Amino acid sequence: MAERLKDRFFTEESVRAFAELVKKHHPRFDDAEFVRALTDDDFTKLELMQMARRATECLAGLLPSSYRKAIGILRRVAPDAKGMEAFCLPTFVELYGLDDWETSLPAMAFFTKRASCEFAVRPFILKDAARTMAFLETLTDDEDANVRRFASEGCRPRLPWAVSLPPFKKDPRPILPILERLKDDESEFVQRSVANNLNDIAKDHPGLVLDVCERWAGTSKSADWIVKRACRTLLKKGNRRAMSLFGFGDPAALEVTDAAVSRDSVAIGGDARLSFTLRVGTKRRAKVRLEYEVWYVKANGSTSAKVFQIREATLAPGTHEFDVKLSFVERSTRKHYPGKHRITIVVNGVEKAETAIVLK
């Protein structure tokens, strides 16, 4: 069995190393109690994020009751903190710092160089968005890419694993000044966050994101990279305006024939081949985005589609053969169920053909 992600962190060795580090900067810290609490059976049964929270709570109980004194100690700890234990630093701010903004905001900017504070800042946004966003905007000129990324990642409306930001789902415009300042950032780490933030926004406000992307397109290499990644969900959904932005033309002259799966049925864990012919009926070469959707059967018998990209290419008029692998291997992110799985072939955002396979 593959090692679980949570089993790689908060090991006895790493917990002990962190405890010794804290004790180095706060001699009265009870490192033995910290190690005991984080290696007992109850702790090891927790999920990863629960572990981080419990570890932070335990840490808080062994530090001075004064928030500012505790933060002072953790600031000294931070440069040498490693592993998942370092995540206790931003979590400490998240859990205990909401009533001391003067201490907490600079602490997050400092800690995020070692352990990202994208989760920790969200309660501050929900309490006072204007104040927090003004602070995050000041970080966009920081020399450390981790800090600049934090400015974008912390305000993503739909950040995975994090508390969502309903006010920004409703009106994401307060986010845009930060993204504007980062669109030409030299770090791909930062660029990816900007693109993911825009992709989040696009799920509720596609028109606003396309306004931004149309304005940014062609202004710089980094902006172009961000624009393409930011529009990935819109492209998967076949948004015509997004398709046009990237030069994918009218799909009317693009036809699919002979769509077929190599076998009628396959066992869960197996694979098959999907083949089809694409006919480009234009007079000139056409830019084409090819995808296929698998309509996976769910536990309750309903289906939901997952889009897979095949290729983006500029193709000459005529016919082109394609053959791709269909995998039904069990994954941590997808469990398969028996039943008829419909497969559709999508060209420039439009379904052009379909076939099916039975999963046993």
Protein backbone atom coordinates (compact mmCIF):
# COMPACT_ATOMS: atom_id res chain seq x y z
CA MET A 1 0.00 0.00 0.00
CA ALA A 2 1.29 3.49 -0.90
CA GLU A 3 2.44 5.63 1.99
CA ARG A 4 -0.23 8.05 3.14
CA LEU A 5 0.69 11.72 2.86
CA LYS A 6 0.04 12.34 6.55
CA ASP A 7 2.46 9.55 7.54
CA ARG A 8 5.34 11.52 6.02
CA PHE A 9 4.88 14.39 8.47
CA PHE A 10 4.89 14.85 12.22
CA THR A 11 7.16 11.86 12.69
CA GLU A 12 8.72 11.41 16.12
CA GLU A 13 12.06 12.52 14.71
CA SER A 14 10.71 15.71 13.12
CA VAL A 15 8.57 16.59 16.15
CA ARG A 16 11.55 16.16 18.45
CA ALA A 17 13.74 18.34 16.22
CA PHE A 18 11.13 21.10 16.22
CA ALA A 19 10.69 20.87 20.00
CA GLU A 20 14.44 21.22 20.50
CA LEU A 21 14.48 24.22 18.19
CA VAL A 22 11.75 25.97 20.20
CA LYS A 23 13.53 25.16 23.47
CA LYS A 24 16.71 26.70 22.09
CA HIS A 25 14.92 30.04 21.85
CA HIS A 26 12.69 29.59 24.90
CA PRO A 27 14.51 27.51 27.53
CA ARG A 28 11.39 27.08 29.66
CA PHE A 29 9.62 25.26 26.82
CA ASP A 30 8.62 21.73 27.89
CA ASP A 31 9.93 19.88 24.86
CA ALA A 32 9.27 16.44 26.41
CA GLU A 33 5.58 17.25 26.89
CA PHE A 34 5.35 18.55 23.32
CA VAL A 35 6.88 15.36 21.92
CA ARG A 36 4.65 13.18 24.08
CA ALA A 37 1.49 14.99 22.98
CA LEU A 38 2.38 14.79 19.29
CA THR A 39 3.36 11.13 19.21
CA ASP A 40 0.54 9.49 21.18
CA ASP A 41 -2.06 7.29 19.50
CA ASP A 42 -4.79 9.93 19.53
CA PHE A 43 -2.62 12.40 17.63
CA THR A 44 -1.47 9.94 14.97
CA LYS A 45 -5.09 9.05 14.14
CA LEU A 46 -5.85 12.63 13.09
CA GLU A 47 -5.85 13.83 9.48
CA LEU A 48 -2.99 16.04 8.36
CA MET A 49 -4.66 19.44 8.78
CA GLN A 50 -6.09 18.35 12.12
CA MET A 51 -2.57 17.38 13.16
CA ALA A 52 -1.30 20.86 12.32
CA ARG A 53 -4.05 22.50 14.34
CA ARG A 54 -3.57 20.19 17.33
CA ALA A 55 0.20 20.72 17.24
CA THR A 56 -0.33 24.48 17.23
CA GLU A 57 -2.71 24.29 20.16
CA CYS A 58 -0.19 22.21 22.08
CA LEU A 59 2.56 24.66 21.18
CA ALA A 60 0.45 27.58 22.42
CA GLY A 61 -0.12 25.87 25.75
CA LEU A 62 3.63 25.64 26.31
CA LEU A 63 4.56 29.20 25.24
CA PRO A 64 4.02 32.44 27.20
CA SER A 65 0.37 33.48 27.46
CA SER A 66 1.26 36.87 25.98
CA TYR A 67 0.58 36.67 22.24
CA ARG A 68 3.30 39.20 21.43
CA LYS A 69 5.90 37.37 23.51
CA ALA A 70 4.96 34.07 21.88
CA ILE A 71 5.23 35.59 18.40
CA GLY A 72 8.64 36.98 19.33
CA ILE A 73 9.83 33.48 20.19
CA LEU A 74 8.36 32.00 17.01
CA ARG A 75 10.03 34.68 14.91
CA ARG A 76 13.36 33.46 16.26
CA VAL A 77 12.35 29.86 15.59
CA ALA A 78 11.16 30.49 12.05
CA PRO A 79 14.46 30.70 10.11
CA ASP A 80 15.36 27.12 11.09
CA ALA A 81 11.86 25.59 11.16
CA LYS A 82 11.36 22.74 8.72
CA GLY A 83 8.71 20.30 7.58
CA MET A 84 5.07 20.30 8.52
CA GLU A 85 5.99 21.51 12.01
CA ALA A 86 6.82 24.90 10.47
CA PHE A 87 3.13 25.16 9.55
CA CYS A 88 2.48 25.73 13.27
CA LEU A 89 3.84 29.27 12.81
CA PRO A 90 1.12 30.63 10.48
CA THR A 91 -1.50 28.52 12.23
CA PHE A 92 -0.55 30.17 15.52
CA VAL A 93 -1.33 33.56 13.98
CA GLU A 94 -4.59 32.24 12.52
CA LEU A 95 -5.80 30.84 15.85
CA TYR A 96 -4.59 33.49 18.29
CA GLY A 97 -3.74 36.68 16.40
CA LEU A 98 -7.01 38.11 15.14
CA ASP A 99 -7.16 40.74 17.90
CA ASP A 100 -3.63 42.05 17.36
CA TRP A 101 -3.29 43.12 13.77
CA GLU A 102 -0.16 45.21 14.37
CA THR A 103 1.67 42.06 15.41
CA SER A 104 -0.07 39.52 13.22
CA LEU A 105 0.17 41.08 9.78
CA PRO A 106 3.97 41.59 9.83
CA ALA A 107 4.36 38.15 11.43
CA MET A 108 2.56 36.52 8.50
CA ALA A 109 4.76 38.35 6.01
CA PHE A 110 7.77 37.00 7.92
CA PHE A 111 6.55 33.46 8.47
CA THR A 112 5.34 32.98 4.89
CA LYS A 113 8.97 32.87 3.75
CA ARG A 114 9.23 29.50 5.51
CA ALA A 115 5.63 28.23 5.69
CA SER A 116 2.93 29.79 3.53
CA CYS A 117 0.39 31.91 5.39
CA GLU A 118 -2.29 31.64 2.70
CA PHE A 119 -4.66 29.85 5.11
CA ALA A 120 -3.82 32.01 8.12
CA VAL A 121 -4.68 35.31 6.46
CA ARG A 122 -8.21 34.36 5.47
CA PRO A 123 -9.88 35.04 8.85
CA PHE A 124 -8.34 38.52 8.66
CA ILE A 125 -9.86 39.06 5.20
CA LEU A 126 -13.26 37.96 6.46
CA LYS A 127 -13.03 40.31 9.45
CA ASP A 128 -11.74 43.39 7.59
CA ALA A 129 -11.17 42.87 3.89
CA ALA A 130 -10.12 46.44 3.08
CA ARG A 131 -7.44 46.54 5.74
CA THR A 132 -6.08 43.11 4.91
CA MET A 133 -6.05 43.67 1.16
CA ALA A 134 -4.24 46.99 1.60
CA PHE A 135 -1.58 45.10 3.56
CA LEU A 136 -1.32 42.30 1.00
CA GLU A 137 -0.89 44.84 -1.78
CA THR A 138 2.19 46.25 -0.03
CA LEU A 139 3.77 42.79 -0.27
CA THR A 140 3.66 42.69 -4.08
CA ASP A 141 7.01 44.55 -4.23
CA ASP A 142 8.77 42.33 -1.71
CA GLU A 143 12.09 40.89 -2.82
CA ASP A 144 11.07 37.37 -1.69
CA ALA A 145 8.94 35.45 -4.20
CA ASN A 146 7.27 33.55 -1.35
CA VAL A 147 5.97 36.82 0.07
CA ARG A 148 4.76 38.08 -3.32
CA ARG A 149 2.98 34.78 -3.93
CA PHE A 150 1.33 35.06 -0.50
CA ALA A 151 -0.24 38.36 -1.61
CA SER A 152 -2.10 36.54 -4.38
CA GLU A 153 -2.60 33.08 -2.91
CA GLY A 154 -4.03 34.37 0.36
CA CYS A 155 -6.96 36.10 -1.34
CA ARG A 156 -7.97 33.38 -3.79
CA PRO A 157 -11.76 33.06 -3.48
CA ARG A 158 -11.73 29.25 -3.75
CA LEU A 159 -8.35 28.22 -2.36
CA PRO A 160 -8.33 24.40 -1.98
CA TRP A 161 -8.41 23.07 1.61
CA ALA A 162 -9.04 26.59 2.88
CA VAL A 163 -12.03 28.58 4.11
CA SER A 164 -13.65 30.17 1.05
CA LEU A 165 -14.10 33.92 0.76
CA PRO A 166 -17.81 34.54 -0.01
CA PRO A 167 -17.39 38.34 -0.31
CA PHE A 168 -14.82 37.84 -3.07
CA LYS A 169 -16.94 35.21 -4.77
CA LYS A 170 -19.64 37.88 -4.97
CA ASP A 171 -17.37 40.78 -5.89
CA PRO A 172 -13.74 39.90 -6.71
CA ARG A 173 -12.74 43.39 -7.80
CA PRO A 174 -10.72 44.10 -4.61
CA ILE A 175 -8.37 41.30 -5.68
CA LEU A 176 -7.55 42.77 -9.09
CA PRO A 177 -5.05 45.49 -8.02
CA ILE A 178 -2.85 42.80 -6.47
CA LEU A 179 -3.01 40.65 -9.60
CA GLU A 180 -2.25 43.66 -11.81
CA ARG A 181 0.92 44.34 -9.82
CA LEU A 182 2.04 40.72 -10.12
CA LYS A 183 1.19 39.94 -13.74
CA ASP A 184 4.78 40.57 -14.89
CA ASP A 185 6.45 38.91 -11.92
CA GLU A 186 9.66 37.10 -12.84
CA SER A 187 8.85 34.06 -10.66
CA GLU A 188 6.78 31.26 -12.16
CA PHE A 189 5.77 30.41 -8.59
CA VAL A 190 4.07 33.81 -8.35
CA GLN A 191 2.70 33.69 -11.89
CA ARG A 192 1.02 30.36 -11.17
CA SER A 193 -0.73 31.83 -8.13
CA VAL A 194 -1.99 34.80 -10.16
CA ALA A 195 -3.34 32.44 -12.82
CA ASN A 196 -4.99 30.20 -10.22
CA ASN A 197 -6.58 33.22 -8.57
CA LEU A 198 -8.06 34.35 -11.89
CA ASN A 199 -9.23 30.80 -12.59
CA ASP A 200 -11.03 30.84 -9.22
CA ILE A 201 -12.69 34.13 -10.12
CA ALA A 202 -13.68 32.84 -13.56
CA LYS A 203 -15.93 30.22 -11.99
CA ASP A 204 -18.24 33.00 -10.78
CA HIS A 205 -17.34 35.94 -13.02
CA PRO A 206 -16.12 34.71 -16.42
CA GLY A 207 -16.74 38.02 -18.13
CA LEU A 208 -14.61 39.94 -15.66
CA VAL A 209 -11.71 37.51 -16.04
CA LEU A 210 -11.93 37.65 -19.82
CA ASP A 211 -11.87 41.44 -19.66
CA VAL A 212 -8.61 41.19 -17.71
CA CYS A 213 -7.12 38.49 -19.94
CA GLU A 214 -7.96 40.30 -23.15
CA ARG A 215 -6.24 43.38 -21.77
CA TRP A 216 -3.15 41.46 -20.63
CA ALA A 217 -2.77 39.22 -23.68
CA GLY A 218 0.29 40.06 -25.73
CA THR A 219 1.74 42.55 -23.20
CA SER A 220 4.51 40.25 -21.92
CA LYS A 221 5.64 36.65 -21.91
CA SER A 222 4.67 36.17 -18.27
CA ALA A 223 1.25 37.76 -18.79
CA ASP A 224 0.58 35.46 -21.74
CA TRP A 225 1.48 32.41 -19.63
CA ILE A 226 -0.83 33.59 -16.86
CA VAL A 227 -3.68 34.31 -19.28
CA LYS A 228 -3.58 30.82 -20.78
CA ARG A 229 -3.57 29.11 -17.40
CA ALA A 230 -6.19 31.47 -15.99
CA CYS A 231 -8.60 30.53 -18.76
CA ARG A 232 -8.21 26.77 -18.45
CA THR A 233 -11.64 26.19 -16.88
CA LEU A 234 -13.32 28.51 -19.38
CA LEU A 235 -11.65 26.61 -22.23
CA LYS A 236 -12.76 23.27 -20.80
CA LYS A 237 -16.30 24.61 -20.68
CA GLY A 238 -16.10 25.70 -24.29
CA ASN A 239 -16.53 29.41 -23.57
CA ARG A 240 -16.61 30.97 -27.03
CA ARG A 241 -14.98 34.22 -25.96
CA ALA A 242 -12.10 32.32 -24.37
CA MET A 243 -11.75 30.15 -27.45
CA SER A 244 -11.57 33.24 -29.64
CA LEU A 245 -8.94 34.82 -27.38
CA PHE A 246 -6.57 31.94 -28.12
CA GLY A 247 -7.37 31.71 -31.80
CA PHE A 248 -9.55 28.60 -31.73
CA GLY A 249 -12.01 29.36 -34.49
CA ASP A 250 -15.52 28.35 -35.39
CA PRO A 251 -15.80 24.57 -34.97
CA ALA A 252 -18.44 24.30 -37.70
CA ALA A 253 -15.85 23.19 -40.27
CA LEU A 254 -14.30 20.63 -37.92
CA GLU A 255 -15.91 17.19 -37.91
CA VAL A 256 -15.20 13.92 -36.11
CA THR A 257 -15.91 10.51 -37.60
CA ASP A 258 -15.21 6.87 -36.75
CA ALA A 259 -15.12 7.45 -32.98
CA ALA A 260 -14.62 4.08 -31.30
CA VAL A 261 -13.22 2.40 -28.21
CA SER A 262 -10.93 -0.58 -28.67
CA ARG A 263 -13.13 -2.84 -26.52
CA ASP A 264 -16.76 -2.91 -25.45
CA SER A 265 -15.97 -3.39 -21.77
CA VAL A 266 -13.03 -3.29 -19.38
CA ALA A 267 -12.47 -4.22 -15.75
CA ILE A 268 -11.88 -1.53 -13.14
CA GLY A 269 -8.13 -1.01 -13.10
CA GLY A 270 -7.76 -1.72 -16.81
CA ASP A 271 -7.42 0.47 -19.89
CA ALA A 272 -8.59 0.81 -23.48
CA ARG A 273 -7.89 2.94 -26.56
CA LEU A 274 -10.03 5.72 -27.98
CA SER A 275 -9.61 6.42 -31.69
CA PHE A 276 -11.25 8.85 -34.10
CA THR A 277 -10.73 10.82 -37.30
CA LEU A 278 -10.80 14.61 -37.37
CA ARG A 279 -11.66 16.29 -40.64
CA VAL A 280 -10.53 19.90 -41.05
CA GLY A 281 -12.84 21.34 -43.68
CA THR A 282 -11.32 24.80 -43.89
CA LYS A 283 -9.39 26.22 -46.83
CA ARG A 284 -6.49 27.17 -44.61
CA ARG A 285 -4.80 25.68 -41.57
CA ALA A 286 -6.98 25.80 -38.48
CA LYS A 287 -6.04 26.08 -34.82
CA VAL A 288 -7.67 23.16 -33.00
CA ARG A 289 -8.18 22.26 -29.36
CA LEU A 290 -9.01 18.57 -28.94
CA GLU A 291 -10.40 17.08 -25.74
CA TYR A 292 -12.39 14.11 -24.62
CA GLU A 293 -14.83 13.82 -21.74
CA VAL A 294 -15.40 10.68 -19.72
CA TRP A 295 -18.79 10.64 -18.01
CA TYR A 296 -17.86 8.66 -14.92
CA VAL A 297 -20.54 6.65 -13.17
CA LYS A 298 -20.88 7.67 -9.51
CA ALA A 299 -21.85 5.55 -6.52
CA ASN A 300 -25.51 6.61 -6.79
CA GLY A 301 -25.70 5.76 -10.49
CA SER A 302 -25.55 9.33 -11.78
CA THR A 303 -22.67 10.52 -13.96
CA SER A 304 -20.26 13.43 -13.93
CA ALA A 305 -17.86 14.48 -16.66
CA LYS A 306 -14.09 14.83 -16.45
CA VAL A 307 -12.36 16.64 -19.32
CA PHE A 308 -8.99 15.45 -20.65
CA GLN A 309 -6.99 17.42 -23.17
CA ILE A 310 -5.63 15.54 -26.17
CA ARG A 311 -3.83 18.20 -28.10
CA GLU A 312 -3.70 21.79 -29.25
CA ALA A 313 -2.36 22.20 -32.77
CA THR A 314 -2.64 24.12 -36.00
CA LEU A 315 -3.74 21.52 -38.55
CA ALA A 316 -3.80 21.52 -42.32
CA PRO A 317 -7.05 20.92 -44.21
CA GLY A 318 -7.87 17.24 -44.59
CA THR A 319 -8.16 14.27 -42.24
CA HIS A 320 -6.11 13.51 -39.14
CA GLU A 321 -6.11 10.29 -37.11
CA PHE A 322 -5.97 10.26 -33.33
CA ASP A 323 -5.57 7.48 -30.79
CA VAL A 324 -5.43 8.01 -27.01
CA LYS A 325 -5.30 5.79 -23.95
CA LEU A 326 -8.25 5.53 -21.57
CA SER A 327 -7.19 4.53 -18.07
CA PHE A 328 -9.54 3.24 -15.37
CA VAL A 329 -6.89 2.69 -12.72
CA GLU A 330 -8.07 3.52 -9.21
CA ARG A 331 -6.65 6.78 -7.88
CA SER A 332 -6.77 8.66 -4.61
CA THR A 333 -8.73 11.38 -6.40
CA ARG A 334 -11.14 9.10 -8.27
CA LYS A 335 -12.94 5.89 -7.42
CA HIS A 336 -14.47 3.96 -10.30
CA TYR A 337 -17.86 2.27 -10.31
CA PRO A 338 -19.30 -0.31 -12.72
CA GLY A 339 -21.60 0.82 -15.49
CA LYS A 340 -21.75 2.37 -18.92
CA HIS A 341 -19.34 5.28 -19.28
CA ARG A 342 -20.18 7.70 -22.08
CA ILE A 343 -17.20 9.27 -23.86
CA THR A 344 -17.53 12.44 -25.92
CA ILE A 345 -14.99 14.07 -28.23
CA VAL A 346 -14.85 17.84 -28.00
CA VAL A 347 -13.39 20.09 -30.70
CA ASN A 348 -12.91 23.80 -29.95
CA GLY A 349 -15.39 23.55 -27.12
CA VAL A 350 -18.14 21.69 -28.99
CA GLU A 351 -19.06 18.01 -28.67
CA LYS A 352 -18.58 16.40 -32.06
CA ALA A 353 -18.96 12.66 -31.44
CA GLU A 354 -19.53 10.12 -28.74
CA THR A 355 -19.00 6.48 -27.94
CA ALA A 356 -19.09 4.41 -24.75
CA ILE A 357 -17.45 1.68 -22.74
CA VAL A 358 -18.82 -0.54 -19.97
CA LEU A 359 -16.76 -0.67 -16.81
CA LYS A 360 -17.02 -3.94 -14.89
